[in-house]
N, C-alpha and C. Protein backbone atom coordinates (compact mmCIF):
# COMPACT_ATOMS: atom_id res chain seq x y z
N UNK A 1 -12.49 10.89 18.71
CA UNK A 1 -11.25 9.98 18.04
C UNK A 1 -11.88 11.13 16.39
N UNK A 2 -10.44 11.83 15.68
CA UNK A 2 -10.20 11.74 14.67
C UNK A 2 -10.57 10.79 13.21
N UNK A 3 -11.03 11.77 12.60
CA UNK A 3 -11.15 10.78 11.08
C UNK A 3 -10.36 10.37 10.68
N UNK A 4 -10.23 9.47 9.95
CA UNK A 4 -8.46 8.91 9.34
C UNK A 4 -8.95 8.41 8.14
N UNK A 5 -8.00 8.83 6.90
CA UNK A 5 -8.00 7.83 5.55
C UNK A 5 -6.52 7.64 5.28
N UNK A 6 -6.31 6.53 4.59
CA UNK A 6 -5.23 5.55 4.74
C UNK A 6 -5.02 5.55 3.08
N UNK A 7 -3.96 6.24 2.86
CA UNK A 7 -3.59 5.87 0.92
C UNK A 7 -2.61 4.39 1.01
N UNK A 8 -2.58 4.32 -0.40
CA UNK A 8 -2.15 2.59 -0.19
C UNK A 8 -2.34 1.95 -1.81
N UNK A 9 -1.17 1.13 -2.02
CA UNK A 9 -1.51 0.76 -3.03
C UNK A 9 -0.55 -0.74 -3.01
N UNK A 10 -1.41 -1.79 -3.95
CA UNK A 10 -1.28 -3.24 -3.25
C UNK A 10 0.27 -3.40 -4.34
N UNK A 11 1.05 -2.74 -4.75
CA UNK A 11 2.10 -3.41 -5.72
C UNK A 11 3.17 -2.10 -4.95
N UNK A 12 2.65 -1.28 -3.70
CA UNK A 12 4.40 -0.92 -3.09
C UNK A 12 4.61 -1.72 -1.70
N UNK A 13 5.80 -2.11 -1.80
CA UNK A 13 6.02 -2.82 -0.93
C UNK A 13 6.93 -2.07 0.62
N UNK A 14 6.69 -0.55 0.67
CA UNK A 14 6.29 0.18 2.02
C UNK A 14 4.56 0.19 2.25
N UNK A 15 3.51 0.20 1.46
CA UNK A 15 2.40 -0.07 1.85
C UNK A 15 2.76 -1.20 2.34
N UNK A 16 2.78 -2.29 1.98
CA UNK A 16 2.59 -3.86 2.49
C UNK A 16 3.40 -3.65 3.85
N UNK A 17 4.24 -2.94 4.25
CA UNK A 17 5.14 -3.16 5.08
C UNK A 17 4.26 -2.62 6.44
N UNK A 18 3.69 -1.70 6.09
CA UNK A 18 2.67 -0.44 6.81
C UNK A 18 1.41 -1.11 7.32
N UNK A 19 1.17 -2.52 6.56
CA UNK A 19 -0.38 -2.92 6.50
C UNK A 19 -0.55 -3.58 7.89
N UNK A 20 0.14 -4.21 8.49
CA UNK A 20 0.57 -4.71 10.18
C UNK A 20 0.25 -3.81 11.33
N UNK A 21 1.55 -3.08 10.83
CA UNK A 21 1.03 -2.48 12.15
C UNK A 21 0.11 -1.17 11.81
N UNK A 22 0.22 -0.95 11.29
CA UNK A 22 -1.51 -0.57 11.09
C UNK A 22 -2.40 -0.83 11.37
N UNK A 23 -2.98 -1.65 11.10
CA UNK A 23 -3.90 -2.70 11.79
C UNK A 23 -3.79 -2.92 13.04
N UNK A 24 -2.59 -3.00 13.18
CA UNK A 24 -2.28 -2.91 14.97
C UNK A 24 -3.02 -2.36 15.60
N UNK A 25 -2.34 -0.74 15.28
CA UNK A 25 -3.22 0.29 16.02
C UNK A 25 -4.24 0.55 15.76
N UNK A 26 -4.80 0.11 14.32
CA UNK A 26 -6.08 1.03 14.39
C UNK A 26 -7.24 -0.38 15.27
N UNK A 27 -7.02 -1.64 15.20
CA UNK A 27 -7.40 -2.41 16.21
C UNK A 27 -7.60 -1.85 18.33
N UNK A 28 -6.09 -1.28 17.94
CA UNK A 28 -6.07 -0.81 19.82
C UNK A 28 -6.99 0.36 20.15
N UNK A 29 -7.06 0.63 19.07
CA UNK A 29 -7.50 2.15 19.91
C UNK A 29 -9.26 2.29 19.07
N UNK A 30 -9.16 1.12 18.75
CA UNK A 30 -11.14 1.01 17.60
C UNK A 30 -11.31 1.99 16.91
N UNK A 31 -10.31 2.07 16.19
CA UNK A 31 -10.71 3.62 15.00
C UNK A 31 -10.84 2.72 13.82
N UNK A 32 -11.55 3.17 12.99
CA UNK A 32 -12.32 2.87 11.49
C UNK A 32 -11.23 3.39 11.01
N UNK A 33 -10.92 3.45 9.87
CA UNK A 33 -10.09 4.01 9.02
C UNK A 33 -11.06 4.04 7.95
N UNK A 34 -11.21 5.04 6.34
CA UNK A 34 -11.56 4.83 5.23
C UNK A 34 -10.28 4.53 4.27
N UNK A 35 -9.91 3.16 3.94
CA UNK A 35 -8.66 2.59 2.56
C UNK A 35 -9.04 3.44 1.60
N UNK A 36 -8.15 3.70 0.78
CA UNK A 36 -8.15 4.20 -0.15
C UNK A 36 -7.01 4.19 -0.98
N UNK A 37 -7.02 3.22 -2.53
CA UNK A 37 -5.79 2.99 -2.64
C UNK A 37 -5.78 4.43 -4.20
N UNK A 38 -4.34 4.38 -4.15
CA UNK A 38 -3.93 5.72 -4.63
C UNK A 38 -2.03 4.73 -5.42
N UNK A 39 -2.68 4.93 -6.78
CA UNK A 39 -1.50 4.29 -7.68
C UNK A 39 0.05 5.37 -7.73
N UNK A 40 0.89 4.50 -7.14
CA UNK A 40 2.39 5.23 -7.37
C UNK A 40 2.97 4.31 -8.36
N UNK A 41 3.82 4.91 -8.40
CA UNK A 41 5.14 4.40 -9.85
C UNK A 41 5.76 3.58 -8.93
N UNK A 42 5.80 2.09 -9.56
CA UNK A 42 6.81 0.89 -9.18
C UNK A 42 7.86 1.44 -9.04
N UNK A 43 8.52 0.30 -8.40
CA UNK A 43 9.89 0.03 -7.66
C UNK A 43 10.57 0.90 -8.77
N UNK A 44 11.66 1.55 -8.98
CA UNK A 44 12.89 1.13 -9.77
C UNK A 44 13.92 0.32 -9.81
N UNK A 45 13.81 0.00 -11.00
CA UNK A 45 14.99 -1.65 -10.56
C UNK A 45 16.99 -0.82 -10.84
N UNK A 46 17.62 -0.78 -9.64
CA UNK A 46 18.67 -0.75 -9.63
C UNK A 46 19.56 -0.75 -10.94
N UNK A 47 20.07 0.35 -11.57
CA UNK A 47 21.01 0.05 -13.08
C UNK A 47 22.58 0.44 -12.87
N UNK A 48 23.30 -0.99 -12.56
CA UNK A 48 24.81 -0.79 -12.18
C UNK A 48 25.29 0.10 -13.19
N UNK A 49 26.06 0.96 -12.78
CA UNK A 49 26.97 1.67 -14.18
C UNK A 49 27.92 1.45 -14.47
N UNK A 50 28.73 1.98 -15.63
CA UNK A 50 29.45 1.34 -16.07
C UNK A 50 30.55 2.29 -16.00
N UNK A 51 31.88 1.82 -16.15
CA UNK A 51 32.58 2.33 -15.83
C UNK A 51 33.05 4.02 -16.57
N UNK A 52 32.38 4.32 -17.80
CA UNK A 52 32.71 5.28 -18.11
C UNK A 52 31.26 6.17 -17.23
N UNK A 53 30.50 5.93 -16.71
CA UNK A 53 29.91 6.79 -15.84
C UNK A 53 31.15 7.22 -14.88
N UNK A 54 29.41 8.57 -14.49
CA UNK A 54 30.81 9.64 -13.18
C UNK A 54 30.30 9.11 -11.93
N UNK A 55 31.17 9.91 -10.98
CA UNK A 55 30.67 8.97 -9.38
C UNK A 55 29.33 9.02 -9.23
N UNK A 56 28.38 10.15 -9.32
CA UNK A 56 27.25 10.48 -9.01
C UNK A 56 26.21 9.36 -9.32
N UNK A 57 26.97 8.81 -10.47
CA UNK A 57 25.57 7.40 -11.17
C UNK A 57 26.36 6.39 -10.02
N UNK A 58 27.43 6.18 -10.06
CA UNK A 58 27.91 4.93 -8.98
C UNK A 58 27.06 5.39 -7.69
N UNK A 59 27.23 6.73 -7.04
CA UNK A 59 26.53 7.32 -5.80
C UNK A 59 25.44 6.33 -5.59
N UNK A 60 24.52 6.82 -7.02
CA UNK A 60 23.01 6.20 -7.14
C UNK A 60 22.42 4.93 -6.63
N UNK A 61 23.89 4.54 -7.46
CA UNK A 61 23.25 2.77 -7.45
C UNK A 61 23.67 2.32 -5.99
N UNK A 62 24.65 2.56 -5.48
CA UNK A 62 24.54 2.50 -4.35
C UNK A 62 23.54 2.55 -3.25
N UNK A 63 22.70 3.87 -3.56
CA UNK A 63 21.82 4.28 -2.90
C UNK A 63 20.60 3.09 -3.35
N UNK A 64 20.63 2.90 -4.07
CA UNK A 64 19.61 2.46 -4.82
C UNK A 64 19.36 0.88 -4.24
N UNK A 65 20.68 0.39 -4.50
CA UNK A 65 21.09 -1.46 -3.78
C UNK A 65 20.54 -1.08 -2.16
N UNK A 66 21.32 -0.44 -0.80
CA UNK A 66 20.85 0.33 -0.33
C UNK A 66 19.40 0.33 0.48
N UNK A 67 18.80 0.63 -0.29
CA UNK A 67 17.16 1.19 -0.29
C UNK A 67 16.62 -0.32 -0.34
N UNK A 68 16.82 -1.00 -1.12
CA UNK A 68 16.83 -2.76 -1.49
C UNK A 68 16.59 -3.30 -0.61
N UNK A 69 18.02 -3.45 -0.07
CA UNK A 69 18.31 -4.40 1.33
C UNK A 69 17.36 -3.70 2.51
N UNK A 70 17.23 -2.48 2.59
CA UNK A 70 16.60 -2.73 3.80
C UNK A 70 15.13 -2.69 3.65
N UNK A 71 14.69 -2.68 2.06
CA UNK A 71 13.12 -3.24 2.43
C UNK A 71 13.25 -5.30 2.78
N UNK A 72 14.14 -5.48 2.57
CA UNK A 72 14.04 -7.36 2.83
C UNK A 72 14.11 -7.17 4.18
N UNK A 73 15.36 -6.44 4.52
CA UNK A 73 15.87 -6.35 5.89
C UNK A 73 14.08 -6.34 6.51
N UNK A 74 13.70 -5.32 6.21
CA UNK A 74 11.75 -5.04 6.92
C UNK A 74 11.15 -6.50 7.13
N UNK A 75 11.26 -7.06 5.24
CA UNK A 75 9.90 -7.92 5.28
C UNK A 75 10.43 -9.21 5.80
N UNK A 76 12.00 -9.72 6.24
CA UNK A 76 12.22 -10.30 7.18
C UNK A 76 11.61 -10.05 9.01
N UNK A 77 11.49 -9.39 9.17
CA UNK A 77 11.55 -9.04 10.44
C UNK A 77 9.77 -8.73 10.60
N UNK A 78 9.39 -8.84 9.48
CA UNK A 78 7.38 -8.67 9.48
C UNK A 78 7.81 -10.04 9.38
N UNK A 79 8.25 -11.58 8.99
CA UNK A 79 8.42 -13.01 8.61
C UNK A 79 7.38 -12.77 7.60
N UNK A 80 7.43 -12.21 6.21
CA UNK A 80 6.88 -12.36 4.98
C UNK A 80 7.14 -13.80 4.66
N UNK A 81 8.45 -13.99 4.67
CA UNK A 81 8.66 -15.08 3.89
C UNK A 81 9.66 -15.24 2.84
N UNK A 82 10.74 -16.38 2.98
CA UNK A 82 11.80 -15.66 2.08
C UNK A 82 11.18 -15.50 0.40
N UNK A 83 11.83 -14.78 0.22
CA UNK A 83 11.58 -14.41 -1.77
C UNK A 83 10.37 -13.26 -1.80
N UNK A 84 9.93 -13.06 -0.79
CA UNK A 84 7.97 -12.01 -0.79
C UNK A 84 8.44 -10.61 -1.73
N UNK A 85 9.73 -9.75 -1.19
CA UNK A 85 10.34 -9.57 -2.23
C UNK A 85 11.37 -9.48 -2.98
N UNK A 86 10.98 -10.00 -4.16
CA UNK A 86 11.19 -10.73 -5.52
C UNK A 86 11.36 -9.39 -6.24
N UNK A 87 12.31 -9.82 -6.91
CA UNK A 87 13.02 -9.13 -8.22
C UNK A 87 11.28 -8.57 -9.03
N UNK A 88 10.96 -9.70 -9.54
CA UNK A 88 9.53 -9.76 -10.58
C UNK A 88 8.66 -8.73 -9.52
N UNK A 89 8.18 -8.75 -8.34
CA UNK A 89 7.21 -8.38 -7.55
C UNK A 89 7.35 -6.65 -7.51
N UNK A 90 9.15 -6.41 -7.33
CA UNK A 90 9.48 -5.26 -6.40
C UNK A 90 9.37 -4.65 -8.14
N UNK A 91 9.69 -5.28 -9.39
CA UNK A 91 9.92 -4.36 -10.73
C UNK A 91 8.88 -4.63 -12.20
N UNK A 92 8.34 -5.96 -11.60
CA UNK A 92 7.97 -5.84 -13.03
C UNK A 92 6.59 -6.66 -13.11
N UNK A 93 5.56 -6.05 -12.06
CA UNK A 93 4.43 -5.85 -11.65
C UNK A 93 3.11 -5.42 -12.08
N UNK A 94 3.10 -4.61 -13.05
CA UNK A 94 2.43 -3.71 -13.58
C UNK A 94 2.25 -2.72 -13.43
N UNK A 95 0.99 -2.21 -13.81
CA UNK A 95 0.32 -0.96 -12.52
C UNK A 95 -0.29 -1.08 -11.56
N UNK A 96 -1.40 -2.55 -11.42
CA UNK A 96 -1.87 -2.97 -10.54
C UNK A 96 -3.52 -2.20 -10.39
N UNK A 97 -3.51 -1.54 -11.86
CA UNK A 97 -5.05 -0.49 -11.97
C UNK A 97 -5.90 -1.83 -11.23
N UNK A 98 -6.53 -2.56 -11.80
CA UNK A 98 -7.04 -3.87 -11.60
C UNK A 98 -7.50 -4.43 -10.51
N UNK A 99 -6.26 -4.96 -9.29
CA UNK A 99 -6.29 -5.40 -8.13
C UNK A 99 -7.41 -3.81 -6.90
N UNK A 100 -6.28 -2.78 -7.57
CA UNK A 100 -7.21 -1.08 -6.79
C UNK A 100 -8.66 -1.03 -7.49
N UNK A 101 -9.33 -1.39 -8.79
CA UNK A 101 -10.48 -1.29 -8.69
C UNK A 101 -11.41 -2.17 -7.82
N UNK A 102 -10.49 -3.32 -8.12
CA UNK A 102 -11.28 -4.73 -7.69
C UNK A 102 -11.90 -4.72 -6.08
N UNK A 103 -10.84 -3.82 -5.50
CA UNK A 103 -10.77 -3.81 -4.29
C UNK A 103 -12.23 -2.55 -3.87
N UNK A 104 -12.28 -1.62 -4.45
CA UNK A 104 -12.87 -0.98 -4.39
C UNK A 104 -13.94 -1.31 -4.71
N UNK A 105 -14.49 -1.83 -5.55
CA UNK A 105 -16.03 -2.91 -5.91
C UNK A 105 -16.39 -3.23 -5.10
N UNK A 106 -15.44 -4.05 -4.31
CA UNK A 106 -15.48 -4.91 -3.72
C UNK A 106 -15.61 -4.50 -2.37
N UNK A 107 -15.31 -3.52 -1.84
CA UNK A 107 -15.39 -2.81 -0.45
C UNK A 107 -16.73 -2.12 -0.62
N UNK A 108 -17.12 -1.27 -1.78
CA UNK A 108 -18.05 -0.34 -2.29
C UNK A 108 -19.66 -1.56 -1.61
N UNK A 109 -19.25 -2.75 -1.82
CA UNK A 109 -20.14 -3.49 -1.50
C UNK A 109 -20.76 -4.52 -0.55
N UNK A 110 -19.30 -4.61 0.10
CA UNK A 110 -19.23 -5.66 1.33
C UNK A 110 -18.48 -4.72 2.33
N UNK A 111 -19.01 -3.59 2.81
CA UNK A 111 -18.14 -2.73 3.39
C UNK A 111 -16.97 -3.77 4.85
N UNK A 112 -18.14 -4.34 4.96
CA UNK A 112 -18.15 -5.26 6.55
C UNK A 112 -16.07 -6.35 6.16
N UNK A 113 -16.56 -6.23 4.76
CA UNK A 113 -14.84 -6.96 4.46
C UNK A 113 -13.84 -6.45 4.14
N UNK A 114 -13.89 -5.10 4.57
CA UNK A 114 -12.37 -3.96 3.91
C UNK A 114 -11.78 -4.59 4.20
N UNK A 115 -11.55 -4.74 6.13
CA UNK A 115 -9.85 -5.16 6.11
C UNK A 115 -9.19 -6.51 5.71
N UNK A 116 -10.17 -7.61 5.14
CA UNK A 116 -10.34 -8.51 4.60
C UNK A 116 -9.94 -8.98 3.25
N UNK A 117 -10.55 -7.61 2.42
CA UNK A 117 -9.76 -7.45 1.28
C UNK A 117 -8.89 -6.88 0.77
N UNK A 118 -7.98 -6.35 2.27
CA UNK A 118 -6.94 -5.37 2.44
C UNK A 118 -5.67 -6.40 2.23
N UNK A 119 -5.91 -7.16 3.30
CA UNK A 119 -4.79 -8.15 4.07
C UNK A 119 -4.72 -9.32 2.63
N UNK A 120 -5.81 -9.48 2.30
CA UNK A 120 -5.91 -11.02 1.65
C UNK A 120 -5.28 -10.22 0.24
N UNK A 121 -6.21 -9.15 -0.57
CA UNK A 121 -5.17 -9.22 -1.78
C UNK A 121 -3.76 -8.57 -2.14
N UNK A 122 -3.76 -8.11 -0.81
CA UNK A 122 -1.92 -7.57 -0.36
C UNK A 122 -1.38 -9.00 -0.25
N UNK A 123 -1.73 -9.99 0.77
CA UNK A 123 -0.70 -11.13 0.77
C UNK A 123 -0.43 -12.47 -0.17
N UNK A 124 -1.90 -12.08 -0.85
CA UNK A 124 -1.51 -12.60 -2.29
C UNK A 124 -0.82 -12.31 -3.57
N UNK A 125 -0.71 -11.38 -3.40
CA UNK A 125 0.18 -10.49 -4.66
C UNK A 125 1.57 -10.24 -4.09
N UNK A 126 1.94 -10.52 -2.58
CA UNK A 126 3.47 -10.58 -2.35
C UNK A 126 3.60 -11.66 -1.97
N UNK A 127 3.04 -13.16 -2.19
CA UNK A 127 3.45 -14.44 -2.02
C UNK A 127 2.98 -15.25 -3.22
N UNK A 128 2.80 -13.86 -4.24
CA UNK A 128 2.86 -14.65 -5.50
C UNK A 128 1.64 -15.60 -6.47
N UNK A 129 1.17 -15.44 -5.85
CA UNK A 129 -0.15 -15.81 -5.42
C UNK A 129 -1.55 -14.60 -6.96
N UNK A 130 -1.37 -14.22 -6.80
CA UNK A 130 -2.09 -13.43 -7.47
C UNK A 130 -1.27 -12.26 -8.75
N UNK A 131 -2.35 -12.22 -10.17
CA UNK A 131 -1.72 -11.30 -10.75
C UNK A 131 -2.42 -9.95 -11.12
N UNK A 132 -2.12 -8.47 -9.67
CA UNK A 132 -3.18 -7.79 -9.92
C UNK A 132 -3.05 -6.47 -10.72
N UNK A 133 -3.23 -7.35 -11.78
CA UNK A 133 -3.44 -7.05 -13.91
C UNK A 133 -4.53 -7.75 -14.74
N UNK A 134 -4.93 -8.94 -13.72
CA UNK A 134 -5.72 -10.04 -14.46
C UNK A 134 -6.81 -9.76 -13.41
N UNK A 135 -8.01 -9.28 -14.86
CA UNK A 135 -9.01 -9.39 -14.20
C UNK A 135 -9.86 -10.53 -13.00
N UNK A 136 -9.60 -11.83 -14.01
CA UNK A 136 -10.29 -12.94 -13.74
C UNK A 136 -9.75 -13.44 -12.67
N UNK A 137 -7.91 -13.15 -12.35
CA UNK A 137 -7.72 -13.79 -11.05
C UNK A 137 -8.06 -12.70 -9.53
N UNK A 138 -8.18 -11.16 -9.93
CA UNK A 138 -9.02 -10.54 -9.24
C UNK A 138 -9.90 -10.52 -8.81
N UNK A 139 -11.22 -10.92 -9.62
CA UNK A 139 -12.80 -11.72 -9.31
C UNK A 139 -12.55 -12.92 -8.97
N UNK A 140 -11.97 -13.57 -8.85
CA UNK A 140 -11.89 -14.64 -8.35
C UNK A 140 -11.26 -14.58 -6.24
N UNK A 141 -9.87 -13.76 -6.87
CA UNK A 141 -10.19 -13.17 -5.19
C UNK A 141 -10.83 -12.68 -4.13
N UNK A 142 -11.75 -11.95 -5.16
CA UNK A 142 -11.95 -10.87 -4.34
C UNK A 142 -13.51 -11.58 -3.67
N UNK A 143 -14.06 -12.07 -4.65
CA UNK A 143 -14.82 -13.43 -4.11
C UNK A 143 -14.89 -14.20 -3.25
N UNK A 144 -13.79 -14.64 -3.38
CA UNK A 144 -13.01 -15.94 -2.38
C UNK A 144 -13.07 -14.15 -0.64
N UNK A 145 -12.31 -13.78 -0.94
CA UNK A 145 -12.25 -12.92 0.30
C UNK A 145 -13.63 -12.48 0.83
N UNK A 146 -14.17 -12.05 0.17
CA UNK A 146 -16.14 -11.51 0.46
C UNK A 146 -16.66 -12.44 0.59
N UNK A 147 -16.26 -13.79 0.76
CA UNK A 147 -17.53 -14.73 0.19
C UNK A 147 -18.78 -14.77 -0.42
N UNK A 148 -18.65 -13.98 -1.60
CA UNK A 148 -20.03 -13.29 -2.70
C UNK A 148 -19.26 -13.25 -3.91
N UNK A 149 -20.57 -13.07 -4.69
CA UNK A 149 -20.48 -12.44 -6.55
C UNK A 149 -20.05 -11.63 -6.02
N UNK A 150 -19.69 -10.92 -6.22
CA UNK A 150 -19.48 -9.36 -6.18
C UNK A 150 -19.71 -8.72 -7.89
N UNK A 151 -19.73 -9.30 -8.67
CA UNK A 151 -20.06 -9.32 -9.41
C UNK A 151 -18.84 -7.98 -10.88
N UNK A 152 -17.29 -8.03 -10.13
CA UNK A 152 -16.54 -7.64 -10.49
C UNK A 152 -16.06 -7.37 -12.17
N UNK A 153 -15.90 -9.30 -12.59
CA UNK A 153 -15.65 -9.32 -13.97
C UNK A 153 -16.88 -9.20 -15.16
N UNK A 154 -17.77 -8.97 -14.60
CA UNK A 154 -19.13 -8.35 -15.61
C UNK A 154 -18.92 -7.26 -15.75
N UNK A 155 -18.77 -6.06 -14.66
CA UNK A 155 -18.31 -5.20 -14.54
C UNK A 155 -17.39 -4.46 -14.86
N UNK A 156 -16.18 -4.73 -15.08
CA UNK A 156 -14.49 -4.60 -14.76
C UNK A 156 -14.24 -3.28 -15.43
N UNK A 157 -15.18 -3.13 -16.47
CA UNK A 157 -14.70 -1.68 -17.27
C UNK A 157 -14.98 -0.72 -16.36
N UNK A 158 -16.80 -0.71 -15.82
CA UNK A 158 -17.18 0.48 -15.32
C UNK A 158 -16.33 0.48 -13.46
N UNK A 159 -16.27 -0.27 -12.96
CA UNK A 159 -15.37 -0.56 -12.01
C UNK A 159 -13.64 0.27 -12.15
N UNK A 160 -13.04 0.56 -13.38
CA UNK A 160 -11.66 0.64 -13.92
C UNK A 160 -12.25 1.95 -14.21
N UNK A 161 -13.28 2.74 -14.38
CA UNK A 161 -13.47 4.26 -15.08
C UNK A 161 -14.06 4.37 -13.88
N UNK A 162 -14.73 4.16 -12.81
CA UNK A 162 -14.89 4.58 -11.51
C UNK A 162 -13.61 4.64 -10.36
N UNK A 163 -12.45 4.00 -10.98
CA UNK A 163 -11.06 4.23 -10.29
C UNK A 163 -10.51 4.97 -11.03
N UNK A 164 -10.52 5.28 -11.91
CA UNK A 164 -10.16 6.72 -12.62
C UNK A 164 -10.21 8.15 -11.62
N UNK A 165 -11.65 7.53 -12.07
CA UNK A 165 -12.36 9.17 -10.95
C UNK A 165 -11.93 9.60 -10.30
N UNK A 166 -11.91 8.30 -9.10
CA UNK A 166 -11.29 7.89 -7.48
C UNK A 166 -9.89 8.96 -7.64
N UNK A 167 -8.89 7.97 -8.80
CA UNK A 167 -7.53 8.96 -8.58
C UNK A 167 -7.06 9.97 -8.51
N UNK A 168 -8.03 10.63 -10.26
CA UNK A 168 -8.10 11.63 -10.24
C UNK A 168 -8.49 12.37 -8.80
N UNK A 169 -9.88 12.72 -7.94
CA UNK A 169 -9.64 13.18 -7.59
C UNK A 169 -8.71 13.31 -5.87
N UNK A 170 -8.05 12.13 -5.72
CA UNK A 170 -6.59 12.38 -4.72
C UNK A 170 -5.71 13.56 -5.05
N UNK A 171 -5.50 13.57 -6.55
CA UNK A 171 -4.67 13.25 -7.26
C UNK A 171 -4.47 15.35 -7.03
N UNK A 172 -5.74 15.64 -7.32
CA UNK A 172 -5.84 16.99 -7.26
C UNK A 172 -6.04 17.46 -5.85
N UNK A 173 -6.19 16.70 -4.72
CA UNK A 173 -6.22 16.98 -3.67
C UNK A 173 -5.11 17.00 -2.96
N UNK A 174 -3.52 16.90 -3.75
CA UNK A 174 -2.67 16.87 -3.47
C UNK A 174 -2.05 15.52 -3.12
N UNK A 175 -2.27 14.48 -3.28
CA UNK A 175 -2.11 13.41 -2.41
C UNK A 175 -0.75 12.35 -4.28
N UNK A 176 0.04 11.75 -3.35
CA UNK A 176 0.63 12.06 -3.89
C UNK A 176 1.93 10.15 -3.96
N UNK A 177 1.55 10.04 -2.24
CA UNK A 177 2.44 8.93 -1.83
C UNK A 177 2.08 7.80 -1.37
N UNK A 178 2.36 6.64 -0.92
CA UNK A 178 1.81 5.70 -0.14
C UNK A 178 2.79 5.12 0.43
N UNK A 179 2.58 5.03 1.91
CA UNK A 179 1.52 4.71 2.31
C UNK A 179 1.46 6.19 3.32
N UNK A 180 0.29 6.87 2.93
CA UNK A 180 -0.06 8.35 3.55
C UNK A 180 -1.63 8.24 4.54
N UNK A 181 -1.62 8.96 5.49
CA UNK A 181 -2.18 8.85 6.40
C UNK A 181 -2.37 10.14 6.84
N UNK A 182 -4.19 10.31 6.43
CA UNK A 182 -4.60 11.84 6.25
C UNK A 182 -5.83 12.20 8.20
N UNK A 183 -5.23 12.45 8.79
CA UNK A 183 -5.29 12.95 9.76
C UNK A 183 -6.16 13.96 9.94
N UNK A 184 -8.01 14.07 9.74
CA UNK A 184 -7.95 16.07 9.24
C UNK A 184 -7.48 15.91 8.56
N UNK A 185 -6.52 17.42 8.81
CA UNK A 185 -5.99 18.42 7.44
C UNK A 185 -4.62 17.85 7.40
N UNK A 186 -4.06 16.69 8.74
CA UNK A 186 -3.01 16.78 8.79
C UNK A 186 -2.69 15.02 7.79
N UNK A 187 -1.46 15.33 6.80
CA UNK A 187 -1.03 14.21 5.49
C UNK A 187 0.30 13.62 5.91
N UNK A 188 0.36 12.74 6.48
CA UNK A 188 1.63 12.11 6.58
C UNK A 188 2.18 10.61 5.73
N UNK A 189 3.47 10.79 4.64
CA UNK A 189 4.01 9.84 4.55
C UNK A 189 4.66 9.14 4.93
N UNK A 190 4.09 7.68 4.96
CA UNK A 190 5.34 6.74 5.63
C UNK A 190 5.37 6.27 6.91
N UNK A 191 5.42 5.10 6.86
CA UNK A 191 5.12 4.11 8.33
C UNK A 191 5.79 4.73 9.18
N UNK A 192 6.96 5.72 9.38
CA UNK A 192 7.56 5.97 10.54
C UNK A 192 6.52 7.17 11.28
N UNK A 193 5.70 7.46 10.39
CA UNK A 193 4.60 8.70 11.01
C UNK A 193 3.48 8.10 11.91
N UNK A 194 3.56 6.61 11.70
CA UNK A 194 2.08 6.02 12.76
C UNK A 194 2.93 6.52 14.12
N UNK A 195 3.81 6.64 15.05
CA UNK A 195 3.37 7.15 16.71
C UNK A 195 2.58 8.86 16.75
N UNK A 196 3.38 9.91 14.86
CA UNK A 196 2.47 10.79 15.56
C UNK A 196 0.88 10.89 14.88
N UNK A 197 0.92 9.56 14.17
CA UNK A 197 -0.74 9.32 14.07
C UNK A 197 -1.45 9.34 14.85
N UNK A 198 -0.97 7.66 15.56
CA UNK A 198 -1.37 7.54 16.88
C UNK A 198 -1.76 8.47 18.08
N UNK A 199 -0.52 9.64 17.75
CA UNK A 199 -1.24 11.21 19.05
C UNK A 199 -2.22 11.60 18.57
N UNK A 200 -2.33 11.82 17.36
CA UNK A 200 -3.63 13.00 17.07
C UNK A 200 -4.25 12.19 17.03
N UNK A 201 -4.50 10.97 16.55
CA UNK A 201 -5.88 10.32 16.82
C UNK A 201 -6.62 9.72 18.79
N UNK A 202 -5.22 10.09 19.60
CA UNK A 202 -6.39 10.24 20.91
C UNK A 202 -6.44 11.58 20.81
N UNK A 203 -6.13 12.56 20.30
CA UNK A 203 -6.69 13.74 20.40
C UNK A 203 -5.39 14.35 21.12
N UNK A 204 -4.35 14.19 20.46
CA UNK A 204 -2.81 15.05 20.51
C UNK A 204 -2.75 15.68 21.74
N UNK A 205 -3.26 15.21 22.91
CA UNK A 205 -2.23 15.30 24.21
C UNK A 205 -1.13 14.92 24.86
N UNK A 206 -0.86 16.01 25.60
CA UNK A 206 0.89 16.15 26.04
C UNK A 206 2.00 16.42 24.77
N UNK A 207 2.74 15.78 25.17
CA UNK A 207 4.00 16.27 23.89
C UNK A 207 3.80 15.21 23.05
N UNK A 208 3.90 15.36 21.72
CA UNK A 208 4.15 14.65 20.38
C UNK A 208 5.33 13.69 20.59
N UNK A 209 5.37 12.39 20.04
CA UNK A 209 6.04 11.29 20.18
C UNK A 209 7.63 12.16 19.10
N UNK A 210 8.08 11.08 19.34
CA UNK A 210 9.55 11.66 18.11
C UNK A 210 9.73 11.94 17.17
N UNK A 211 9.73 12.59 16.82
CA UNK A 211 9.41 12.33 15.00
C UNK A 211 10.11 10.97 14.30
N UNK A 212 9.60 10.41 13.88
CA UNK A 212 9.90 9.01 12.82
C UNK A 212 10.78 7.99 13.71
N UNK A 213 10.17 8.02 15.15
CA UNK A 213 10.44 7.21 15.88
C UNK A 213 9.75 5.30 15.42
N UNK A 214 10.50 4.79 14.76
CA UNK A 214 9.15 3.57 14.58
C UNK A 214 10.59 1.78 14.54
N UNK A 215 10.06 0.96 14.81
CA UNK A 215 10.23 -0.14 14.92
C UNK A 215 10.57 -0.95 14.46
N UNK A 216 9.50 -0.99 13.40
CA UNK A 216 9.81 -2.39 12.00
C UNK A 216 8.97 -1.84 11.36
């Protein structure tokens, strides 16, 4: 089996959509992954053009609206619940540095809780139960998810500094988007590559799957 690193960002709807199918794949293949937070730019709110704008602005508006509709359709497929991809969480969520630092802090001290931390923090944020920029709320969440006092709140500045170092390392390695799948030296962005990632993890035997084949 190949080593696998997965890049994610709690505030990314694309990373959240990839979470369940990725975990299911890992479980089926009995593969352990190294999940690393990578902070990316938040979703951009579509800006409706006015009559003075050119045709290009109108096209950009329609494309942005379609991408937003697509996100919400896939959220419905995965039964995330009505309003999960609300404007408040898609566009007004802030950088999410605290949640990323809290995840790293908790995962380093309780590695056996990695899957629970991932799913728990993702779900709490997208269900509107967690401010990913609040030290107090993130501390409470990772304490509940690990069932232990992680000491995050008392060491938040240290954890944030460690996050900044980790982010610089990933960026210097050329990583820039989520969800990202690094299998040995092969890096793929987007959950549409899960069939290819699976193929690589299984030893790349036979013909590769059709590129981009993905059903949800």
